[in-house]
Amino acid sequence: MRFQVVMTDGAGRDLASIHEYIAANDSPAKADLILDALLSVVDSLESMPERGSRPRELLAIGRKEYRRVIHGPWHIFYRVIGRTVYIGVIADGRRDLRTLLEQRLLGA
C-alpha cells in the first residue's frame, strides 16, 4: 500500500535551511549529499509511514498523532491522515525539540 507524502511549507524551509547551513559551514557537496539522504528518508515514508516512533516530547503533553524518523542528528516529524503523510518539521535533534514542536506543530 502506497501513501502520498506531502511536505509542508515549514518542512521545506527546514530542508533549505539545513542545506544552506551545511553548504556555508562545510561544503556544498556535503550539503547536497545530506539533502539527498533526508529526501530519501522522506520518500521512504510512502511505503512504511507507521515505522516512525512517537516523539516523547509530544507524548509528554498527550499528543499521540505525530511520529518521527531519525537520520543522523536530523529528526523528521510527521503525521499520517488517511493515506497521506504530512511532513511537518525537519530539525536538528540537538535543539530544544519540545519547544520547537509545540510552536510549529501545535501552534502554541
PDB file of N, CA and C in Angstrom:
ATOM      1  N   MET A   1       0.844  -1.169   0.000  1.00  0.00           N
ATOM      2  CA  MET A   1       0.000   0.000   0.000  1.00  0.00           C
ATOM      3  C   MET A   1       0.900   1.247   0.000  1.00  0.00           C
ATOM      4  N   ARG A   2       0.657   2.155  -0.919  1.00  0.00           N
ATOM      5  CA  ARG A   2       1.435   3.382  -1.054  1.00  0.00           C
ATOM      6  C   ARG A   2       0.689   4.557  -0.434  1.00  0.00           C
ATOM      7  N   PHE A   3       1.430   5.425   0.191  1.00  0.00           N
ATOM      8  CA  PHE A   3       0.899   6.641   0.775  1.00  0.00           C
ATOM      9  C   PHE A   3       1.447   7.828  -0.017  1.00  0.00           C
ATOM     10  N   GLN A   4       0.704   8.892  -0.042  1.00  0.00           N
ATOM     11  CA  GLN A   4       1.193  10.128  -0.626  1.00  0.00           C
ATOM     12  C   GLN A   4       1.943  10.889   0.464  1.00  0.00           C
ATOM     13  N   VAL A   5       3.100  11.436   0.135  1.00  0.00           N
ATOM     14  CA  VAL A   5       3.879  12.211   1.094  1.00  0.00           C
ATOM     15  C   VAL A   5       3.807  13.676   0.687  1.00  0.00           C
ATOM     16  N   VAL A   6       3.395  14.526   1.633  1.00  0.00           N
ATOM     17  CA  VAL A   6       3.260  15.961   1.396  1.00  0.00           C
ATOM     18  C   VAL A   6       4.181  16.694   2.361  1.00  0.00           C
ATOM     19  N   MET A   7       5.028  17.534   1.806  1.00  0.00           N
ATOM     20  CA  MET A   7       5.934  18.339   2.626  1.00  0.00           C
ATOM     21  C   MET A   7       5.266  19.691   2.882  1.00  0.00           C
ATOM     22  N   THR A   8       5.109  20.049   4.148  1.00  0.00           N
ATOM     23  CA  THR A   8       4.544  21.366   4.462  1.00  0.00           C
ATOM     24  C   THR A   8       5.556  22.452   4.087  1.00  0.00           C
ATOM     25  N   ASP A   9       5.077  23.683   3.993  1.00  0.00           N
ATOM     26  CA  ASP A   9       5.976  24.798   3.704  1.00  0.00           C
ATOM     27  C   ASP A   9       7.065  24.911   4.754  1.00  0.00           C
ATOM     28  N   GLY A  10       6.691  24.719   6.018  1.00  0.00           N
ATOM     29  CA  GLY A  10       7.671  24.799   7.100  1.00  0.00           C
ATOM     30  C   GLY A  10       8.764  23.756   6.964  1.00  0.00           C
ATOM     31  N   ALA A  11       8.394  22.531   6.626  1.00  0.00           N
ATOM     32  CA  ALA A  11       9.382  21.469   6.452  1.00  0.00           C
ATOM     33  C   ALA A  11      10.275  21.761   5.250  1.00  0.00           C
ATOM     34  N   GLY A  12       9.710  22.325   4.205  1.00  0.00           N
ATOM     35  CA  GLY A  12      10.511  22.720   3.042  1.00  0.00           C
ATOM     36  C   GLY A  12      11.536  23.781   3.413  1.00  0.00           C
ATOM     37  N   ARG A  13      11.113  24.740   4.232  1.00  0.00           N
ATOM     38  CA  ARG A  13      12.050  25.766   4.707  1.00  0.00           C
ATOM     39  C   ARG A  13      13.130  25.145   5.602  1.00  0.00           C
ATOM     40  N   ASP A  14      12.729  24.153   6.400  1.00  0.00           N
ATOM     41  CA  ASP A  14      13.713  23.462   7.244  1.00  0.00           C
ATOM     42  C   ASP A  14      14.806  22.835   6.382  1.00  0.00           C
ATOM     43  N   LEU A  15      14.403  22.131   5.315  1.00  0.00           N
ATOM     44  CA  LEU A  15      15.383  21.497   4.428  1.00  0.00           C
ATOM     45  C   LEU A  15      16.296  22.529   3.787  1.00  0.00           C
ATOM     46  N   ALA A  16      15.718  23.632   3.335  1.00  0.00           N
ATOM     47  CA  ALA A  16      16.527  24.682   2.710  1.00  0.00           C
ATOM     48  C   ALA A  16      17.527  25.257   3.714  1.00  0.00           C
ATOM     49  N   SER A  17      17.101  25.460   4.953  1.00  0.00           N
ATOM     50  CA  SER A  17      17.990  25.999   5.988  1.00  0.00           C
ATOM     51  C   SER A  17      19.122  25.036   6.316  1.00  0.00           C
ATOM     52  N   ILE A  18      18.793  23.756   6.412  1.00  0.00           N
ATOM     53  CA  ILE A  18      19.821  22.736   6.682  1.00  0.00           C
ATOM     54  C   ILE A  18      20.849  22.749   5.556  1.00  0.00           C
ATOM     55  N   HIS A  19      20.362  22.751   4.326  1.00  0.00           N
ATOM     56  CA  HIS A  19      21.250  22.749   3.161  1.00  0.00           C
ATOM     57  C   HIS A  19      22.137  23.991   3.159  1.00  0.00           C
ATOM     58  N   GLU A  20      21.551  25.163   3.368  1.00  0.00           N
ATOM     59  CA  GLU A  20      22.318  26.413   3.366  1.00  0.00           C
ATOM     60  C   GLU A  20      23.382  26.413   4.464  1.00  0.00           C
ATOM     61  N   TYR A  21      23.012  25.954   5.653  1.00  0.00           N
ATOM     62  CA  TYR A  21      23.951  25.954   6.768  1.00  0.00           C
ATOM     63  C   TYR A  21      25.148  25.042   6.478  1.00  0.00           C
ATOM     64  N   ILE A  22      24.870  23.831   5.997  1.00  0.00           N
ATOM     65  CA  ILE A  22      25.961  22.886   5.730  1.00  0.00           C
ATOM     66  C   ILE A  22      26.826  23.378   4.580  1.00  0.00           C
ATOM     67  N   ALA A  23      26.210  23.937   3.544  1.00  0.00           N
ATOM     68  CA  ALA A  23      26.978  24.465   2.412  1.00  0.00           C
ATOM     69  C   ALA A  23      27.910  25.584   2.856  1.00  0.00           C
ATOM     70  N   ALA A  24      27.429  26.445   3.749  1.00  0.00           N
ATOM     71  CA  ALA A  24      28.227  27.580   4.207  1.00  0.00           C
ATOM     72  C   ALA A  24      29.302  27.180   5.206  1.00  0.00           C
ATOM     73  N   ASN A  25      29.016  26.164   6.033  1.00  0.00           N
ATOM     74  CA  ASN A  25      29.931  25.814   7.124  1.00  0.00           C
ATOM     75  C   ASN A  25      30.757  24.564   6.882  1.00  0.00           C
ATOM     76  N   ASP A  26      30.457  23.831   5.830  1.00  0.00           N
ATOM     77  CA  ASP A  26      31.227  22.637   5.477  1.00  0.00           C
ATOM     78  C   ASP A  26      31.537  22.706   3.991  1.00  0.00           C
ATOM     79  N   SER A  27      30.640  22.174   3.166  1.00  0.00           N
ATOM     80  CA  SER A  27      30.840  22.268   1.718  1.00  0.00           C
ATOM     81  C   SER A  27      29.509  22.081   1.003  1.00  0.00           C
ATOM     82  N   PRO A  28      29.376  22.679  -0.163  1.00  0.00           N
ATOM     83  CA  PRO A  28      28.157  22.483  -0.950  1.00  0.00           C
ATOM     84  C   PRO A  28      27.927  21.014  -1.313  1.00  0.00           C
ATOM     85  N   ALA A  29      29.007  20.298  -1.569  1.00  0.00           N
ATOM     86  CA  ALA A  29      28.865  18.879  -1.927  1.00  0.00           C
ATOM     87  C   ALA A  29      28.285  18.075  -0.766  1.00  0.00           C
ATOM     88  N   LYS A  30      28.768  18.339   0.448  1.00  0.00           N
ATOM     89  CA  LYS A  30      28.235  17.631   1.616  1.00  0.00           C
ATOM     90  C   LYS A  30      26.780  18.023   1.855  1.00  0.00           C
ATOM     91  N   ALA A  31      26.460  19.300   1.653  1.00  0.00           N
ATOM     92  CA  ALA A  31      25.078  19.761   1.809  1.00  0.00           C
ATOM     93  C   ALA A  31      24.160  19.017   0.844  1.00  0.00           C
ATOM     94  N   ASP A  32      24.619  18.827  -0.388  1.00  0.00           N
ATOM     95  CA  ASP A  32      23.819  18.097  -1.378  1.00  0.00           C
ATOM     96  C   ASP A  32      23.612  16.647  -0.965  1.00  0.00           C
ATOM     97  N   LEU A  33      24.671  16.013  -0.454  1.00  0.00           N
ATOM     98  CA  LEU A  33      24.561  14.617  -0.011  1.00  0.00           C
ATOM     99  C   LEU A  33      23.557  14.468   1.129  1.00  0.00           C
ATOM    100  N   ILE A  34      23.619  15.367   2.083  1.00  0.00           N
ATOM    101  CA  ILE A  34      22.713  15.291   3.229  1.00  0.00           C
ATOM    102  C   ILE A  34      21.280  15.580   2.798  1.00  0.00           C
ATOM    103  N   LEU A  35      21.097  16.562   1.933  1.00  0.00           N
ATOM    104  CA  LEU A  35      19.760  16.848   1.415  1.00  0.00           C
ATOM    105  C   LEU A  35      19.191  15.633   0.699  1.00  0.00           C
ATOM    106  N   ASP A  36      20.000  14.987  -0.142  1.00  0.00           N
ATOM    107  CA  ASP A  36      19.541  13.785  -0.848  1.00  0.00           C
ATOM    108  C   ASP A  36      19.168  12.676   0.130  1.00  0.00           C
ATOM    109  N   ALA A  37      19.970  12.512   1.184  1.00  0.00           N
ATOM    110  CA  ALA A  37      19.691  11.467   2.178  1.00  0.00           C
ATOM    111  C   ALA A  37      18.393  11.761   2.921  1.00  0.00           C
ATOM    112  N   LEU A  38      18.181  13.016   3.309  1.00  0.00           N
ATOM    113  CA  LEU A  38      16.942  13.367   4.011  1.00  0.00           C
ATOM    114  C   LEU A  38      15.724  13.182   3.109  1.00  0.00           C
ATOM    115  N   LEU A  39      15.849  13.571   1.852  1.00  0.00           N
ATOM    116  CA  LEU A  39      14.739  13.378   0.914  1.00  0.00           C
ATOM    117  C   LEU A  39      14.460  11.897   0.679  1.00  0.00           C
ATOM    118  N   SER A  40      15.495  11.078   0.706  1.00  0.00           N
ATOM    119  CA  SER A  40      15.309   9.632   0.568  1.00  0.00           C
ATOM    120  C   SER A  40      14.525   9.061   1.754  1.00  0.00           C
ATOM    121  N   VAL A  41      14.837   9.536   2.956  1.00  0.00           N
ATOM    122  CA  VAL A  41      14.087   9.103   4.139  1.00  0.00           C
ATOM    123  C   VAL A  41      12.634   9.532   4.018  1.00  0.00           C
ATOM    124  N   VAL A  42      12.410  10.776   3.608  1.00  0.00           N
ATOM    125  CA  VAL A  42      11.045  11.276   3.423  1.00  0.00           C
ATOM    126  C   VAL A  42      10.306  10.413   2.399  1.00  0.00           C
ATOM    127  N   ASP A  43      10.951  10.138   1.270  1.00  0.00           N
ATOM    128  CA  ASP A  43      10.319   9.328   0.222  1.00  0.00           C
ATOM    129  C   ASP A  43       9.997   7.917   0.706  1.00  0.00           C
ATOM    130  N   SER A  44      10.814   7.383   1.603  1.00  0.00           N
ATOM    131  CA  SER A  44      10.587   6.021   2.094  1.00  0.00           C
ATOM    132  C   SER A  44       9.299   5.914   2.912  1.00  0.00           C
ATOM    133  N   LEU A  45       8.779   7.036   3.367  1.00  0.00           N
ATOM    134  CA  LEU A  45       7.535   7.013   4.141  1.00  0.00           C
ATOM    135  C   LEU A  45       6.326   6.672   3.263  1.00  0.00           C
ATOM    136  N   GLU A  46       6.501   6.709   1.938  1.00  0.00           N
ATOM    137  CA  GLU A  46       5.419   6.313   1.031  1.00  0.00           C
ATOM    138  C   GLU A  46       4.988   4.867   1.280  1.00  0.00           C
ATOM    139  N   SER A  47       5.940   4.023   1.650  1.00  0.00           N
ATOM    140  CA  SER A  47       5.614   2.611   1.810  1.00  0.00           C
ATOM    141  C   SER A  47       5.523   2.150   3.253  1.00  0.00           C
ATOM    142  N   MET A  48       6.139   2.870   4.182  1.00  0.00           N
ATOM    143  CA  MET A  48       6.137   2.426   5.581  1.00  0.00           C
ATOM    144  C   MET A  48       6.011   3.591   6.554  1.00  0.00           C
ATOM    145  N   PRO A  49       4.934   4.342   6.508  1.00  0.00           N
ATOM    146  CA  PRO A  49       4.849   5.512   7.392  1.00  0.00           C
ATOM    147  C   PRO A  49       4.668   5.174   8.865  1.00  0.00           C
ATOM    148  N   GLU A  50       4.170   4.004   9.171  1.00  0.00           N
ATOM    149  CA  GLU A  50       3.926   3.645  10.577  1.00  0.00           C
ATOM    150  C   GLU A  50       5.196   3.228  11.312  1.00  0.00           C
ATOM    151  N   ARG A  51       6.317   3.167  10.605  1.00  0.00           N
ATOM    152  CA  ARG A  51       7.550   2.700  11.248  1.00  0.00           C
ATOM    153  C   ARG A  51       8.149   3.714  12.205  1.00  0.00           C
ATOM    154  N   GLY A  52       7.793   4.972  12.057  1.00  0.00           N
ATOM    155  CA  GLY A  52       8.348   6.009  12.916  1.00  0.00           C
ATOM    156  C   GLY A  52       7.857   5.882  14.348  1.00  0.00           C
ATOM    157  N   SER A  53       8.710   6.295  15.267  1.00  0.00           N
ATOM    158  CA  SER A  53       8.341   6.255  16.681  1.00  0.00           C
ATOM    159  C   SER A  53       7.512   7.477  17.044  1.00  0.00           C
ATOM    160  N   ARG A  54       6.821   7.391  18.148  1.00  0.00           N
ATOM    161  CA  ARG A  54       6.055   8.531  18.650  1.00  0.00           C
ATOM    162  C   ARG A  54       7.007   9.398  19.478  1.00  0.00           C
ATOM    163  N   PRO A  55       7.115  10.675  19.149  1.00  0.00           N
ATOM    164  CA  PRO A  55       8.074  11.546  19.845  1.00  0.00           C
ATOM    165  C   PRO A  55       7.734  11.718  21.326  1.00  0.00           C
ATOM    166  N   ARG A  56       8.679  11.429  22.174  1.00  0.00           N
ATOM    167  CA  ARG A  56       8.454  11.553  23.620  1.00  0.00           C
ATOM    168  C   ARG A  56       8.145  12.987  24.018  1.00  0.00           C
ATOM    169  N   GLU A  57       8.690  13.960  23.244  1.00  0.00           N
ATOM    170  CA  GLU A  57       8.429  15.364  23.530  1.00  0.00           C
ATOM    171  C   GLU A  57       6.939  15.694  23.409  1.00  0.00           C
ATOM    172  N   LEU A  58       6.259  15.005  22.504  1.00  0.00           N
ATOM    173  CA  LEU A  58       4.822  15.229  22.324  1.00  0.00           C
ATOM    174  C   LEU A  58       3.983  14.277  23.179  1.00  0.00           C
ATOM    175  N   LEU A  59       4.463  13.075  23.385  1.00  0.00           N
ATOM    176  CA  LEU A  59       3.744  12.146  24.268  1.00  0.00           C
ATOM    177  C   LEU A  59       3.623  12.725  25.671  1.00  0.00           C
ATOM    178  N   ALA A  60       4.655  13.477  26.090  1.00  0.00           N
ATOM    179  CA  ALA A  60       4.656  14.076  27.432  1.00  0.00           C
ATOM    180  C   ALA A  60       3.504  15.053  27.623  1.00  0.00           C
ATOM    181  N   ILE A  61       2.977  15.593  26.532  1.00  0.00           N
ATOM    182  CA  ILE A  61       1.845  16.520  26.645  1.00  0.00           C
ATOM    183  C   ILE A  61       0.575  15.908  26.043  1.00  0.00           C
ATOM    184  N   GLY A  62       0.586  14.566  25.908  1.00  0.00           N
ATOM    185  CA  GLY A  62      -0.617  13.854  25.496  1.00  0.00           C
ATOM    186  C   GLY A  62      -0.912  13.836  24.008  1.00  0.00           C
ATOM    187  N   ARG A  63       0.045  14.185  23.163  1.00  0.00           N
ATOM    188  CA  ARG A  63      -0.176  14.196  21.713  1.00  0.00           C
ATOM    189  C   ARG A  63       0.419  12.932  21.115  1.00  0.00           C
ATOM    190  N   LYS A  64      -0.451  12.101  20.539  1.00  0.00           N
ATOM    191  CA  LYS A  64      -0.029  10.805  20.006  1.00  0.00           C
ATOM    192  C   LYS A  64      -0.118  10.710  18.487  1.00  0.00           C
ATOM    193  N   GLU A  65      -0.574  11.756  17.822  1.00  0.00           N
ATOM    194  CA  GLU A  65      -0.816  11.655  16.381  1.00  0.00           C
ATOM    195  C   GLU A  65       0.444  11.841  15.530  1.00  0.00           C
ATOM    196  N   TYR A  66       1.536  12.293  16.128  1.00  0.00           N
ATOM    197  CA  TYR A  66       2.757  12.541  15.367  1.00  0.00           C
ATOM    198  C   TYR A  66       3.742  11.392  15.533  1.00  0.00           C
ATOM    199  N   ARG A  67       4.578  11.244  14.512  1.00  0.00           N
ATOM    200  CA  ARG A  67       5.643  10.248  14.514  1.00  0.00           C
ATOM    201  C   ARG A  67       6.934  10.924  14.102  1.00  0.00           C
ATOM    202  N   ARG A  68       8.048  10.189  14.275  1.00  0.00           N
ATOM    203  CA  ARG A  68       9.339  10.724  13.862  1.00  0.00           C
ATOM    204  C   ARG A  68      10.221   9.598  13.336  1.00  0.00           C
ATOM    205  N   VAL A  69      11.008   9.943  12.334  1.00  0.00           N
ATOM    206  CA  VAL A  69      12.107   9.094  11.888  1.00  0.00           C
ATOM    207  C   VAL A  69      13.369   9.943  12.012  1.00  0.00           C
ATOM    208  N   ILE A  70      14.483   9.264  12.240  1.00  0.00           N
ATOM    209  CA  ILE A  70      15.739   9.968  12.502  1.00  0.00           C
ATOM    210  C   ILE A  70      16.781   9.540  11.477  1.00  0.00           C
ATOM    211  N   HIS A  71      17.500  10.522  10.967  1.00  0.00           N
ATOM    212  CA  HIS A  71      18.643  10.274  10.091  1.00  0.00           C
ATOM    213  C   HIS A  71      19.779  11.163  10.593  1.00  0.00           C
ATOM    214  N   GLY A  72      20.803  10.550  11.153  1.00  0.00           N
ATOM    215  CA  GLY A  72      21.884  11.326  11.751  1.00  0.00           C
ATOM    216  C   GLY A  72      21.305  12.178  12.873  1.00  0.00           C
ATOM    217  N   PRO A  73      21.693  13.441  12.947  1.00  0.00           N
ATOM    218  CA  PRO A  73      21.134  14.285  14.002  1.00  0.00           C
ATOM    219  C   PRO A  73      19.764  14.868  13.647  1.00  0.00           C
ATOM    220  N   TRP A  74      19.292  14.601  12.426  1.00  0.00           N
ATOM    221  CA  TRP A  74      18.044  15.219  11.973  1.00  0.00           C
ATOM    222  C   TRP A  74      16.837  14.348  12.265  1.00  0.00           C
ATOM    223  N   HIS A  75      15.816  14.998  12.784  1.00  0.00           N
ATOM    224  CA  HIS A  75      14.562  14.337  13.126  1.00  0.00           C
ATOM    225  C   HIS A  75      13.490  14.842  12.163  1.00  0.00           C
ATOM    226  N   ILE A  76      12.778  13.912  11.578  1.00  0.00           N
ATOM    227  CA  ILE A  76      11.703  14.234  10.644  1.00  0.00           C
ATOM    228  C   ILE A  76      10.395  13.898  11.336  1.00  0.00           C
ATOM    229  N   PHE A  77       9.592  14.921  11.613  1.00  0.00           N
ATOM    230  CA  PHE A  77       8.329  14.763  12.319  1.00  0.00           C
ATOM    231  C   PHE A  77       7.185  14.820  11.325  1.00  0.00           C
ATOM    232  N   TYR A  78       6.240  13.909  11.471  1.00  0.00           N
ATOM    233  CA  TYR A  78       5.143  13.822  10.519  1.00  0.00           C
ATOM    234  C   TYR A  78       3.921  13.214  11.177  1.00  0.00           C
ATOM    235  N   ARG A  79       2.802  13.323  10.461  1.00  0.00           N
ATOM    236  CA  ARG A  79       1.591  12.640  10.895  1.00  0.00           C
ATOM    237  C   ARG A  79       0.942  12.012   9.678  1.00  0.00           C
ATOM    238  N   VAL A  80       0.215  10.940   9.927  1.00  0.00           N
ATOM    239  CA  VAL A  80      -0.472  10.216   8.865  1.00  0.00           C
ATOM    240  C   VAL A  80      -1.963  10.460   9.025  1.00  0.00           C
ATOM    241  N   ILE A  81      -2.585  10.943   7.955  1.00  0.00           N
ATOM    242  CA  ILE A  81      -4.030  11.150   7.930  1.00  0.00           C
ATOM    243  C   ILE A  81      -4.542  10.425   6.695  1.00  0.00           C
ATOM    244  N   GLY A  82      -5.306   9.378   6.933  1.00  0.00           N
ATOM    245  CA  GLY A  82      -5.764   8.555   5.806  1.00  0.00           C
ATOM    246  C   GLY A  82      -4.577   7.920   5.120  1.00  0.00           C
ATOM    247  N   ARG A  83      -4.450   8.173   3.834  1.00  0.00           N
ATOM    248  CA  ARG A  83      -3.326   7.618   3.062  1.00  0.00           C
ATOM    249  C   ARG A  83      -2.317   8.710   2.692  1.00  0.00           C
ATOM    250  N   THR A  84      -2.272   9.768   3.507  1.00  0.00           N
ATOM    251  CA  THR A  84      -1.349  10.864   3.259  1.00  0.00           C
ATOM    252  C   THR A  84      -0.450  11.075   4.469  1.00  0.00           C
ATOM    253  N   VAL A  85       0.830  11.239   4.206  1.00  0.00           N
ATOM    254  CA  VAL A  85       1.833  11.528   5.227  1.00  0.00           C
ATOM    255  C   VAL A  85       2.189  13.002   5.096  1.00  0.00           C
ATOM    256  N   TYR A  86       1.991  13.758   6.165  1.00  0.00           N
ATOM    257  CA  TYR A  86       2.303  15.183   6.178  1.00  0.00           C
ATOM    258  C   TYR A  86       3.588  15.406   6.965  1.00  0.00           C
ATOM    259  N   ILE A  87       4.634  15.854   6.277  1.00  0.00           N
ATOM    260  CA  ILE A  87       5.905  16.156   6.932  1.00  0.00           C
ATOM    261  C   ILE A  87       5.779  17.555   7.513  1.00  0.00           C
ATOM    262  N   GLY A  88       5.903  17.678   8.832  1.00  0.00           N
ATOM    263  CA  GLY A  88       5.688  18.960   9.488  1.00  0.00           C
ATOM    264  C   GLY A  88       6.944  19.706   9.864  1.00  0.00           C
ATOM    265  N   VAL A  89       7.955  18.974  10.340  1.00  0.00           N
ATOM    266  CA  VAL A  89       9.181  19.611  10.828  1.00  0.00           C
ATOM    267  C   VAL A  89      10.353  18.688  10.519  1.00  0.00           C
ATOM    268  N   ILE A  90      11.452  19.293  10.085  1.00  0.00           N
ATOM    269  CA  ILE A  90      12.723  18.582   9.953  1.00  0.00           C
ATOM    270  C   ILE A  90      13.723  19.408  10.743  1.00  0.00           C
ATOM    271  N   ALA A  91      14.241  18.823  11.827  1.00  0.00           N
ATOM    272  CA  ALA A  91      15.056  19.624  12.747  1.00  0.00           C
ATOM    273  C   ALA A  91      16.243  18.834  13.261  1.00  0.00           C
ATOM    274  N   ASP A  92      17.248  19.572  13.655  1.00  0.00           N
ATOM    275  CA  ASP A  92      18.422  19.007  14.297  1.00  0.00           C
ATOM    276  C   ASP A  92      18.017  18.570  15.704  1.00  0.00           C
ATOM    277  N   GLY A  93      18.261  17.327  16.036  1.00  0.00           N
ATOM    278  CA  GLY A  93      17.876  16.775  17.325  1.00  0.00           C
ATOM    279  C   GLY A  93      18.623  17.363  18.504  1.00  0.00           C
ATOM    280  N   ARG A  94      19.640  18.154  18.233  1.00  0.00           N
ATOM    281  CA  ARG A  94      20.391  18.788  19.329  1.00  0.00           C
ATOM    282  C   ARG A  94      19.721  20.077  19.790  1.00  0.00           C
ATOM    283  N   ARG A  95      18.631  20.460  19.118  1.00  0.00           N
ATOM    284  CA  ARG A  95      17.867  21.659  19.510  1.00  0.00           C
ATOM    285  C   ARG A  95      16.885  21.307  20.621  1.00  0.00           C
ATOM    286  N   ASP A  96      16.240  22.326  21.144  1.00  0.00           N
ATOM    287  CA  ASP A  96      15.164  22.138  22.113  1.00  0.00           C
ATOM    288  C   ASP A  96      13.920  21.710  21.331  1.00  0.00           C
ATOM    289  N   LEU A  97      13.785  20.414  21.121  1.00  0.00           N
ATOM    290  CA  LEU A  97      12.721  19.910  20.249  1.00  0.00           C
ATOM    291  C   LEU A  97      11.333  20.127  20.827  1.00  0.00           C
ATOM    292  N   ARG A  98      11.204  20.016  22.124  1.00  0.00           N
ATOM    293  CA  ARG A  98       9.868  20.169  22.710  1.00  0.00           C
ATOM    294  C   ARG A  98       9.289  21.555  22.406  1.00  0.00           C
ATOM    295  N   THR A  99      10.081  22.577  22.632  1.00  0.00           N
ATOM    296  CA  THR A  99       9.614  23.942  22.361  1.00  0.00           C
ATOM    297  C   THR A  99       9.355  24.133  20.870  1.00  0.00           C
ATOM    298  N   LEU A 100      10.262  23.657  20.041  1.00  0.00           N
ATOM    299  CA  LEU A 100      10.094  23.776  18.593  1.00  0.00           C
ATOM    300  C   LEU A 100       8.817  23.090  18.122  1.00  0.00           C
ATOM    301  N   LEU A 101       8.570  21.886  18.604  1.00  0.00           N
ATOM    302  CA  LEU A 101       7.374  21.141  18.186  1.00  0.00           C
ATOM    303  C   LEU A 101       6.098  21.797  18.685  1.00  0.00           C
ATOM    304  N   GLU A 102       6.120  22.297  19.902  1.00  0.00           N
ATOM    305  CA  GLU A 102       4.944  22.980  20.416  1.00  0.00           C
ATOM    306  C   GLU A 102       4.617  24.213  19.567  1.00  0.00           C
ATOM    307  N   GLN A 103       5.645  24.935  19.148  1.00  0.00           N
ATOM    308  CA  GLN A 103       5.424  26.135  18.328  1.00  0.00           C
ATOM    309  C   GLN A 103       4.990  25.779  16.916  1.00  0.00           C
ATOM    310  N   ARG A 104       5.682  24.845  16.304  1.00  0.00           N
ATOM    311  CA  ARG A 104       5.451  24.572  14.885  1.00  0.00           C
ATOM    312  C   ARG A 104       4.304  23.622  14.605  1.00  0.00           C
ATOM    313  N   LEU A 105       4.158  22.580  15.402  1.00  0.00           N
ATOM    314  CA  LEU A 105       3.114  21.586  15.128  1.00  0.00           C
ATOM    315  C   LEU A 105       1.823  21.861  15.871  1.00  0.00           C
ATOM    316  N   LEU A 106       1.929  22.451  17.042  1.00  0.00           N
ATOM    317  CA  LEU A 106       0.758  22.640  17.876  1.00  0.00           C
ATOM    318  C   LEU A 106       0.307  24.095  17.945  1.00  0.00           C
ATOM    319  N   GLY A 107       1.074  24.984  17.346  1.00  0.00           N
ATOM    320  CA  GLY A 107       0.695  26.385  17.318  1.00  0.00           C
ATOM    321  C   GLY A 107       0.663  27.049  18.675  1.00  0.00           C
ATOM    322  N   ALA A 108       1.461  26.550  19.614  1.00  0.00           N
ATOM    323  CA  ALA A 108       1.464  27.120  20.974  1.00  0.00           C
ATOM    324  C   ALA A 108       2.278  28.383  21.040  1.00  0.00           C
TER     325      ALA A 108
END
